[in-house]
Amino acid sequence: MTLRTLDTLGSLEGKRVIVRCDLNVPLRDGIITDDGRVRASLPTLNALINAGARVVVCSHLGRPDGAPDPQYSLEPVAQRLSELLGAPVAFARDTVGESATEAVASLEDGGVVVIENLRFNPGETSKDAAERGAFAAELAKLGDVLVSDGFGVVHRKQASVYELAELLPSAAGLLIATELDVLDRLTENPERPYAVVLGGSKVSDKLGVISHLLPRVDRILVGGGMLFTFLKAQGHAVASSLLEEDQLDTVRGYIAEAAERGVELVLPTDVVVAASFSADADHEVAAADAIEQTAFGASGIGLDIGPETAARFAEVIRGSKTVFWNGPMGVFEFPAFAAGTKTVAQALTEVDGLSVVGGGDSAAAVRQLGFSDDQFGHISTGGGASLEFLEGKKLPGLEVLGWA
């Protein structure tokens, strides 16, 4: 079976089209701090507007625990969407209640409404299929067709993602189609050399990805908090740096498998060690095998890859034809410990081939560090769903759209 896409839905003029987006943006005091996911939804929304559809946008935001919570309202998202579309966007103050019903009934062809946070209703994320189904049935009353375009939630059986797609004629939007095309290129016959750059805090978050990609890649570069578990697995002391003791044997297995397969495992040769986890902490560069020999001794904490490592990573990345990057190289939120992440990001912009930034933290990092989305081949909005795809798992939100 193949993925059902927009062109399988026929004419949408005058039809109420529910679009399940992923507009789970970071908010601070009601202000969107990174609108990347909103902008990522625009191609599909504009296609539907131009087709004369009556567009009903729905999404989750945060974890409001099944009840209305003002701090997780989608109203700021509706306002930003209106600015980006250059047209009025109505906002319904509930999901399937009176406000949503009236707002949808008032839509004209090409009009757009955003309904309130789906997770204000416990049926959206319920473990009970019947409860999810009941909520999906209420949602279905608002539309004639479903376009599923939130790749970040396709790994979950949630009412708006799975059950609603069974109730209404459904197809994937342009964002999902693009994500799948890119992820397919990362797993099936990628152009070589192929390098995967992994960072972030925990090895345990990346176990499936490492297992699935080891037979497919030429090089794996390891940074971020997870690097210390790799260094410890090699017998190096890591002071008070982040460490997953329970993953040491697993990591040793990966090191052995990489060597057996001829995959180059590029580990840091130096790290930036700080006195404490804070933006203004004293810090110094140490060799990867001498982390406890800094002025901070055994209380030091590694917060970034070192300059020698960053230069080596950049060299490998620039020399690759396919690069997938997931996870920052250090605590990029603190300027003193952002250099490794910035160097890696810069190298990705210089790849002569496909460069993919995956994961919310990586996407947030490149924007915070001054890069624009169009400097990269693709910035994934998929988060955990992208990782599960790269692990080879079946994703229910895709299967229900015909993807097999």
Protein backbone atom coordinates (compact mmCIF):
# COMPACT_ATOMS: atom_id res chain seq x y z
CA MET A 1 0.00 0.00 0.00
CA THR A 2 1.13 3.54 -0.63
CA LEU A 3 0.54 6.71 1.29
CA ARG A 4 -2.66 8.55 0.43
CA THR A 5 -1.78 12.14 -0.43
CA LEU A 6 -3.79 15.31 -1.09
CA ASP A 7 -4.38 14.49 -4.75
CA THR A 8 -6.32 11.35 -3.74
CA LEU A 9 -9.05 13.45 -2.12
CA GLY A 10 -10.46 14.97 -5.31
CA SER A 11 -11.98 18.44 -5.36
CA LEU A 12 -12.01 20.09 -1.94
CA GLU A 13 -13.83 23.25 -2.95
CA GLY A 14 -16.44 24.09 -0.32
CA LYS A 15 -15.55 21.06 1.81
CA ARG A 16 -14.72 21.29 5.49
CA VAL A 17 -11.19 19.93 5.78
CA ILE A 18 -9.87 19.13 9.24
CA VAL A 19 -6.08 19.49 9.24
CA ARG A 20 -4.28 17.73 12.08
CA CYS A 21 -1.13 19.85 12.40
CA ASP A 22 1.66 19.70 14.95
CA LEU A 23 1.68 23.24 16.33
CA ASN A 24 3.28 22.26 19.63
CA VAL A 25 5.44 25.37 19.81
CA PRO A 26 7.45 26.62 22.80
CA LEU A 27 5.73 29.48 24.64
CA ARG A 28 7.11 31.90 27.22
CA ASP A 29 4.58 34.17 28.91
CA GLY A 30 2.16 33.54 26.07
CA ILE A 31 4.74 34.45 23.41
CA ILE A 32 5.92 31.90 20.81
CA THR A 33 9.70 31.60 21.08
CA ASP A 34 10.17 29.41 17.99
CA ASP A 35 7.49 29.39 15.26
CA GLY A 36 9.19 26.75 13.12
CA ARG A 37 6.31 24.28 13.41
CA VAL A 38 3.77 26.93 12.48
CA ARG A 39 5.75 27.85 9.38
CA ALA A 40 6.15 24.17 8.50
CA SER A 41 2.36 23.84 8.30
CA LEU A 42 1.98 26.64 5.72
CA PRO A 43 2.48 24.68 2.45
CA THR A 44 -0.41 22.32 3.22
CA LEU A 45 -2.66 25.08 4.57
CA ASN A 46 -2.01 27.31 1.56
CA ALA A 47 -2.71 24.41 -0.82
CA LEU A 48 -6.08 23.82 0.87
CA ILE A 49 -6.94 27.53 0.97
CA ASN A 50 -6.14 27.83 -2.74
CA ALA A 51 -8.33 24.78 -3.41
CA GLY A 52 -11.29 26.58 -1.85
CA ALA A 53 -11.50 24.33 1.19
CA ARG A 54 -12.91 25.45 4.52
CA VAL A 55 -9.95 24.73 6.74
CA VAL A 56 -10.33 23.55 10.34
CA VAL A 57 -6.90 23.44 12.00
CA CYS A 58 -6.43 21.29 15.09
CA SER A 59 -3.36 20.49 17.18
CA HIS A 60 -2.12 19.78 20.68
CA LEU A 61 0.19 22.03 22.66
CA GLY A 62 2.05 20.86 25.75
CA ARG A 63 0.65 18.40 28.27
CA PRO A 64 -2.49 19.95 29.80
CA ASP A 65 -3.62 16.60 31.21
CA GLY A 66 -7.06 16.37 29.62
CA ALA A 67 -8.52 19.62 30.94
CA PRO A 68 -8.52 23.26 29.80
CA ASP A 69 -5.43 25.16 30.96
CA PRO A 70 -4.91 28.75 29.74
CA GLN A 71 -1.12 28.44 29.58
CA TYR A 72 -1.52 25.80 26.84
CA SER A 73 -4.07 27.67 24.73
CA LEU A 74 -3.56 27.68 20.96
CA GLU A 75 -4.76 31.29 20.70
CA PRO A 76 -1.19 32.69 20.24
CA VAL A 77 -0.68 30.09 17.49
CA ALA A 78 -3.86 31.22 15.71
CA GLN A 79 -2.62 34.81 15.86
CA ARG A 80 0.79 33.86 14.44
CA LEU A 81 -0.85 31.76 11.73
CA SER A 82 -2.95 34.75 10.70
CA GLU A 83 0.22 36.86 10.39
CA LEU A 84 2.02 34.22 8.31
CA LEU A 85 -0.97 33.55 6.03
CA GLY A 86 -1.69 37.25 5.64
CA ALA A 87 -5.38 36.60 6.22
CA PRO A 88 -7.78 36.43 9.18
CA VAL A 89 -7.76 33.18 11.13
CA ALA A 90 -10.71 32.55 13.46
CA PHE A 91 -10.16 30.94 16.86
CA ALA A 92 -12.61 28.62 18.60
CA ARG A 93 -12.36 28.55 22.39
CA ASP A 94 -13.17 24.85 22.65
CA THR A 95 -12.49 21.68 20.67
CA VAL A 96 -15.87 20.13 19.91
CA GLY A 97 -18.23 22.46 21.77
CA GLU A 98 -20.41 25.39 20.86
CA SER A 99 -17.58 27.77 19.93
CA ALA A 100 -15.97 25.27 17.52
CA THR A 101 -19.31 24.32 15.97
CA GLU A 102 -20.25 27.96 15.35
CA ALA A 103 -16.80 28.93 14.05
CA VAL A 104 -16.76 26.07 11.54
CA ALA A 105 -20.33 26.82 10.42
CA SER A 106 -19.28 30.43 9.75
CA LEU A 107 -16.36 29.46 7.49
CA GLU A 108 -16.43 30.51 3.85
CA ASP A 109 -14.45 28.86 1.04
CA GLY A 110 -10.74 29.49 1.66
CA GLY A 111 -11.39 30.44 5.29
CA VAL A 112 -9.41 29.11 8.26
CA VAL A 113 -10.28 28.44 11.88
CA VAL A 114 -8.06 27.06 14.65
CA ILE A 115 -9.90 25.10 17.33
CA GLU A 116 -8.62 24.95 20.90
CA ASN A 117 -5.98 22.49 22.14
CA LEU A 118 -7.05 18.89 21.45
CA ARG A 119 -5.53 17.73 24.72
CA PHE A 120 -8.01 19.82 26.69
CA ASN A 121 -10.22 16.77 26.07
CA PRO A 122 -9.16 13.52 27.83
CA GLY A 123 -10.37 11.47 24.85
CA GLU A 124 -7.50 12.69 22.66
CA THR A 125 -4.76 10.77 24.44
CA SER A 126 -6.82 8.16 26.32
CA LYS A 127 -5.42 4.63 26.56
CA ASP A 128 -9.03 3.44 26.06
CA ALA A 129 -9.79 2.99 22.35
CA ALA A 130 -13.52 3.51 22.96
CA GLU A 131 -12.90 6.84 24.67
CA ARG A 132 -10.61 7.94 21.83
CA GLY A 133 -13.20 6.80 19.32
CA ALA A 134 -15.94 8.80 21.02
CA PHE A 135 -13.86 11.97 20.90
CA ALA A 136 -12.92 11.29 17.26
CA ALA A 137 -16.62 10.95 16.42
CA GLU A 138 -17.25 14.41 17.91
CA LEU A 139 -14.33 15.85 15.93
CA ALA A 140 -15.60 14.21 12.73
CA LYS A 141 -18.78 16.32 12.96
CA LEU A 142 -16.63 19.37 12.23
CA GLY A 143 -15.34 18.13 8.87
CA ASP A 144 -15.91 16.22 5.67
CA VAL A 145 -12.29 15.19 5.14
CA LEU A 146 -9.15 14.79 7.28
CA VAL A 147 -5.68 15.86 6.20
CA SER A 148 -3.10 14.50 8.62
CA ASP A 149 -0.01 16.71 8.64
CA GLY A 150 1.52 16.46 12.11
CA PHE A 151 4.48 14.14 11.68
CA GLY A 152 5.48 14.67 15.29
CA VAL A 153 2.44 12.67 16.49
CA VAL A 154 2.14 9.85 13.92
CA HIS A 155 3.87 7.43 16.30
CA ARG A 156 0.94 7.71 18.73
CA LYS A 157 -2.54 6.21 18.62
CA GLN A 158 -4.41 9.39 19.45
CA ALA A 159 -7.98 10.25 18.54
CA SER A 160 -7.19 13.01 16.02
CA VAL A 161 -4.35 11.01 14.47
CA TYR A 162 -5.70 7.47 14.27
CA GLU A 163 -9.42 7.04 14.99
CA LEU A 164 -10.43 10.22 13.12
CA ALA A 165 -8.53 9.00 10.05
CA GLU A 166 -10.68 5.86 10.12
CA LEU A 167 -13.93 7.85 10.34
CA LEU A 168 -13.33 10.39 7.56
CA PRO A 169 -11.81 10.18 4.07
CA SER A 170 -8.17 10.89 4.96
CA ALA A 171 -4.81 11.63 3.40
CA ALA A 172 -1.38 12.92 4.36
CA GLY A 173 -0.51 16.57 3.95
CA LEU A 174 2.59 17.96 2.26
CA LEU A 175 4.65 18.10 5.45
CA ILE A 176 4.19 14.39 6.16
CA ALA A 177 4.89 13.51 2.52
CA THR A 178 8.12 15.55 2.62
CA GLU A 179 9.22 14.07 5.96
CA LEU A 180 8.68 10.55 4.66
CA ASP A 181 10.61 11.26 1.48
CA VAL A 182 13.58 12.57 3.48
CA LEU A 183 13.50 9.78 6.07
CA ASP A 184 13.25 7.22 3.28
CA ARG A 185 16.40 8.71 1.73
CA LEU A 186 18.15 8.32 5.09
CA THR A 187 17.31 4.62 5.35
CA GLU A 188 17.08 3.30 1.77
CA ASN A 189 20.13 3.68 -0.50
CA PRO A 190 21.51 6.92 0.98
CA GLU A 191 24.20 8.71 -1.02
CA ARG A 192 27.61 8.03 0.51
CA PRO A 193 29.62 8.81 2.53
CA TYR A 194 26.78 8.82 5.09
CA ALA A 195 27.39 10.31 8.54
CA VAL A 196 25.04 10.36 11.52
CA VAL A 197 25.71 12.92 14.25
CA LEU A 198 24.11 12.08 17.60
CA GLY A 199 23.96 14.32 20.65
CA GLY A 200 21.55 15.20 23.40
CA SER A 201 21.65 14.05 26.97
CA LYS A 202 20.92 10.33 26.97
CA VAL A 203 22.24 7.29 25.14
CA SER A 204 19.02 5.49 26.10
CA ASP A 205 17.00 7.87 23.89
CA LYS A 206 19.07 6.86 20.87
CA LEU A 207 19.51 3.10 21.34
CA GLY A 208 17.05 2.09 18.63
CA VAL A 209 18.44 4.60 16.15
CA ILE A 210 22.01 3.44 16.68
CA SER A 211 20.99 -0.22 16.29
CA HIS A 212 18.99 0.40 13.11
CA LEU A 213 21.49 2.75 11.45
CA LEU A 214 24.76 0.97 12.29
CA PRO A 215 24.43 -1.37 9.28
CA ARG A 216 23.55 1.58 7.00
CA VAL A 217 26.05 4.34 7.77
CA ASP A 218 29.74 5.00 7.22
CA ARG A 219 30.40 7.14 10.30
CA ILE A 220 28.68 7.87 13.61
CA LEU A 221 29.75 10.98 15.51
CA VAL A 222 28.85 11.14 19.20
CA GLY A 223 28.56 14.37 21.21
CA GLY A 224 26.26 15.88 23.82
CA GLY A 225 25.71 14.43 27.27
CA MET A 226 25.64 10.92 25.85
CA LEU A 227 29.35 11.12 24.94
CA PHE A 228 30.36 10.54 28.57
CA THR A 229 28.75 7.11 28.65
CA PHE A 230 30.85 6.24 25.57
CA LEU A 231 34.03 7.58 27.21
CA LYS A 232 33.30 5.68 30.43
CA ALA A 233 32.68 2.52 28.38
CA GLN A 234 36.21 2.94 27.04
CA GLY A 235 37.57 3.14 30.56
CA HIS A 236 37.94 6.91 30.94
CA ALA A 237 36.94 8.81 34.10
CA VAL A 238 34.24 11.41 33.43
CA ALA A 239 34.11 13.26 36.80
CA SER A 240 30.55 14.44 37.55
CA SER A 241 29.43 14.52 33.91
CA LEU A 242 26.12 13.02 32.85
CA LEU A 243 26.45 9.24 32.85
CA GLU A 244 24.10 6.30 32.29
CA GLU A 245 25.79 3.49 34.17
CA ASP A 246 23.12 1.00 33.09
CA GLN A 247 23.98 1.55 29.42
CA LEU A 248 27.73 0.90 29.62
CA ASP A 249 27.53 -2.71 28.42
CA THR A 250 25.16 -1.72 25.59
CA VAL A 251 27.57 1.01 24.49
CA ARG A 252 30.52 -1.38 24.58
CA GLY A 253 28.48 -3.62 22.30
CA TYR A 254 27.95 -0.75 19.85
CA ILE A 255 31.65 0.10 19.88
CA ALA A 256 32.47 -3.53 19.05
CA GLU A 257 29.77 -3.78 16.38
CA ALA A 258 30.94 -0.56 14.70
CA ALA A 259 34.48 -1.93 14.52
CA GLU A 260 33.21 -5.25 13.15
CA ARG A 261 31.13 -3.53 10.45
CA GLY A 262 33.86 -1.07 9.50
CA VAL A 263 31.77 1.88 10.66
CA GLU A 264 33.96 4.72 11.93
CA LEU A 265 32.83 5.75 15.41
CA VAL A 266 34.07 9.31 15.87
CA LEU A 267 34.25 10.11 19.59
CA PRO A 268 35.41 13.36 21.19
CA THR A 269 39.10 13.85 21.84
CA ASP A 270 38.50 16.91 24.03
CA VAL A 271 35.62 18.35 26.05
CA VAL A 272 34.76 21.62 27.77
CA VAL A 273 34.63 20.93 31.51
CA ALA A 274 32.89 23.35 33.90
CA ALA A 275 32.90 23.84 37.65
CA SER A 276 29.10 23.57 37.73
CA PHE A 277 26.00 23.46 35.55
CA SER A 278 25.47 27.19 35.09
CA ALA A 279 25.84 29.78 32.34
CA ASP A 280 28.69 31.63 34.03
CA ALA A 281 30.57 28.64 35.46
CA ASP A 282 34.35 28.59 35.29
CA HIS A 283 35.45 26.16 32.60
CA GLU A 284 38.42 24.79 30.71
CA VAL A 285 39.16 22.43 27.85
CA ALA A 286 40.41 18.97 28.80
CA ALA A 287 41.51 15.94 26.81
CA ALA A 288 38.78 13.30 26.72
CA ASP A 289 40.98 10.93 28.72
CA ALA A 290 41.91 13.59 31.31
CA ILE A 291 38.56 15.07 32.38
CA GLU A 292 39.30 14.70 36.10
CA GLN A 293 42.69 16.40 35.72
CA THR A 294 41.19 19.89 35.41
CA ALA A 295 41.15 22.41 38.27
CA PHE A 296 37.69 21.07 39.16
CA GLY A 297 38.83 17.49 39.74
CA ALA A 298 36.14 14.86 40.22
CA SER A 299 33.43 17.52 40.64
CA GLY A 300 33.88 18.89 37.10
CA ILE A 301 31.06 18.48 34.61
CA GLY A 302 31.42 18.25 30.84
CA LEU A 303 29.09 20.70 29.07
CA ASP A 304 30.31 20.75 25.44
CA ILE A 305 32.59 19.03 22.98
CA GLY A 306 35.99 20.71 22.76
CA PRO A 307 37.35 22.78 19.85
CA GLU A 308 39.55 19.97 18.49
CA THR A 309 36.56 17.62 18.43
CA ALA A 310 34.30 20.25 16.87
CA ALA A 311 36.83 20.82 14.08
CA ARG A 312 37.10 17.06 13.46
CA PHE A 313 33.30 16.66 13.42
CA ALA A 314 33.00 19.56 10.96
CA GLU A 315 35.59 17.97 8.68
CA VAL A 316 33.73 14.65 8.63
CA ILE A 317 30.36 16.35 8.06
CA ARG A 318 31.61 18.49 5.17
CA GLY A 319 33.13 15.40 3.58
CA SER A 320 29.82 13.51 3.61
CA LYS A 321 27.04 13.35 1.01
CA THR A 322 24.29 12.45 3.49
CA VAL A 323 24.20 13.74 7.07
CA PHE A 324 21.55 13.22 9.75
CA TRP A 325 21.98 15.20 12.95
CA ASN A 326 19.92 14.65 16.10
CA GLY A 327 20.78 16.29 19.40
CA PRO A 328 22.94 19.27 20.44
CA MET A 329 26.65 18.83 21.12
CA GLY A 330 26.48 20.65 24.45
CA VAL A 331 24.39 22.97 26.59
CA PHE A 332 23.80 25.41 23.74
CA GLU A 333 21.37 27.46 25.84
CA PHE A 334 24.46 28.76 27.70
CA PRO A 335 26.60 30.83 25.26
CA ALA A 336 29.85 29.59 26.85
CA PHE A 337 28.92 26.01 25.94
CA ALA A 338 27.32 26.53 22.51
CA ALA A 339 30.45 26.49 20.32
CA GLY A 340 30.37 22.77 19.55
CA THR A 341 26.74 22.85 18.46
CA LYS A 342 27.32 25.98 16.37
CA THR A 343 30.34 24.44 14.61
CA VAL A 344 28.36 21.31 13.75
CA ALA A 345 25.42 23.38 12.50
CA GLN A 346 27.70 25.50 10.33
CA ALA A 347 29.26 22.37 8.82
CA LEU A 348 25.81 21.01 7.97
CA THR A 349 25.08 24.15 5.95
CA GLU A 350 28.16 23.34 3.84
CA VAL A 351 27.28 19.74 2.95
CA ASP A 352 27.27 19.01 -0.78
CA GLY A 353 24.34 16.62 -0.54
CA LEU A 354 21.46 15.97 1.86
CA SER A 355 21.72 17.53 5.34
CA VAL A 356 18.92 16.78 7.80
CA VAL A 357 18.44 18.40 11.19
CA GLY A 358 16.21 16.13 13.29
CA GLY A 359 14.72 16.64 16.72
CA GLY A 360 13.17 19.63 18.43
CA ASP A 361 16.29 20.49 20.43
CA SER A 362 18.49 20.53 17.33
CA ALA A 363 16.00 22.65 15.40
CA ALA A 364 15.69 25.07 18.30
CA ALA A 365 19.47 25.22 18.59
CA VAL A 366 20.13 26.15 14.96
CA ARG A 367 17.54 28.92 15.09
CA GLN A 368 18.77 30.25 18.43
CA LEU A 369 22.32 30.26 17.08
CA GLY A 370 21.34 32.43 14.13
CA PHE A 371 20.86 29.95 11.29
CA SER A 372 17.84 29.98 9.01
CA ASP A 373 15.87 26.89 7.99
CA ASP A 374 16.74 27.24 4.31
CA GLN A 375 20.47 26.80 5.05
CA PHE A 376 19.80 23.09 5.62
CA GLY A 377 18.48 20.42 3.30
CA HIS A 378 15.64 19.64 5.70
CA ILE A 379 14.69 20.47 9.28
CA SER A 380 12.51 17.70 10.60
CA THR A 381 9.49 18.49 12.75
CA GLY A 382 9.13 14.83 13.64
CA GLY A 383 10.95 14.58 16.97
CA GLY A 384 10.29 11.20 18.54
CA ALA A 385 8.29 10.04 15.51
CA SER A 386 11.30 10.56 13.23
CA LEU A 387 13.51 8.59 15.61
CA GLU A 388 10.99 5.74 15.74
CA PHE A 389 10.83 5.70 11.94
CA LEU A 390 14.64 5.52 11.81
CA GLU A 391 14.48 2.67 14.33
CA GLY A 392 12.36 0.75 11.80
CA LYS A 393 9.18 0.85 13.89
CA LYS A 394 5.65 0.88 12.49
CA LEU A 395 3.89 4.19 13.06
CA PRO A 396 0.10 3.89 13.49
CA GLY A 397 -0.62 7.42 12.25
CA LEU A 398 1.05 6.53 8.93
CA GLU A 399 -0.37 3.03 8.61
CA VAL A 400 -3.91 4.42 8.87
CA LEU A 401 -3.04 6.61 5.84
CA GLY A 402 -2.00 3.61 3.77
CA TRP A 403 1.73 3.64 4.45
CA ALA A 404 3.13 0.16 4.78
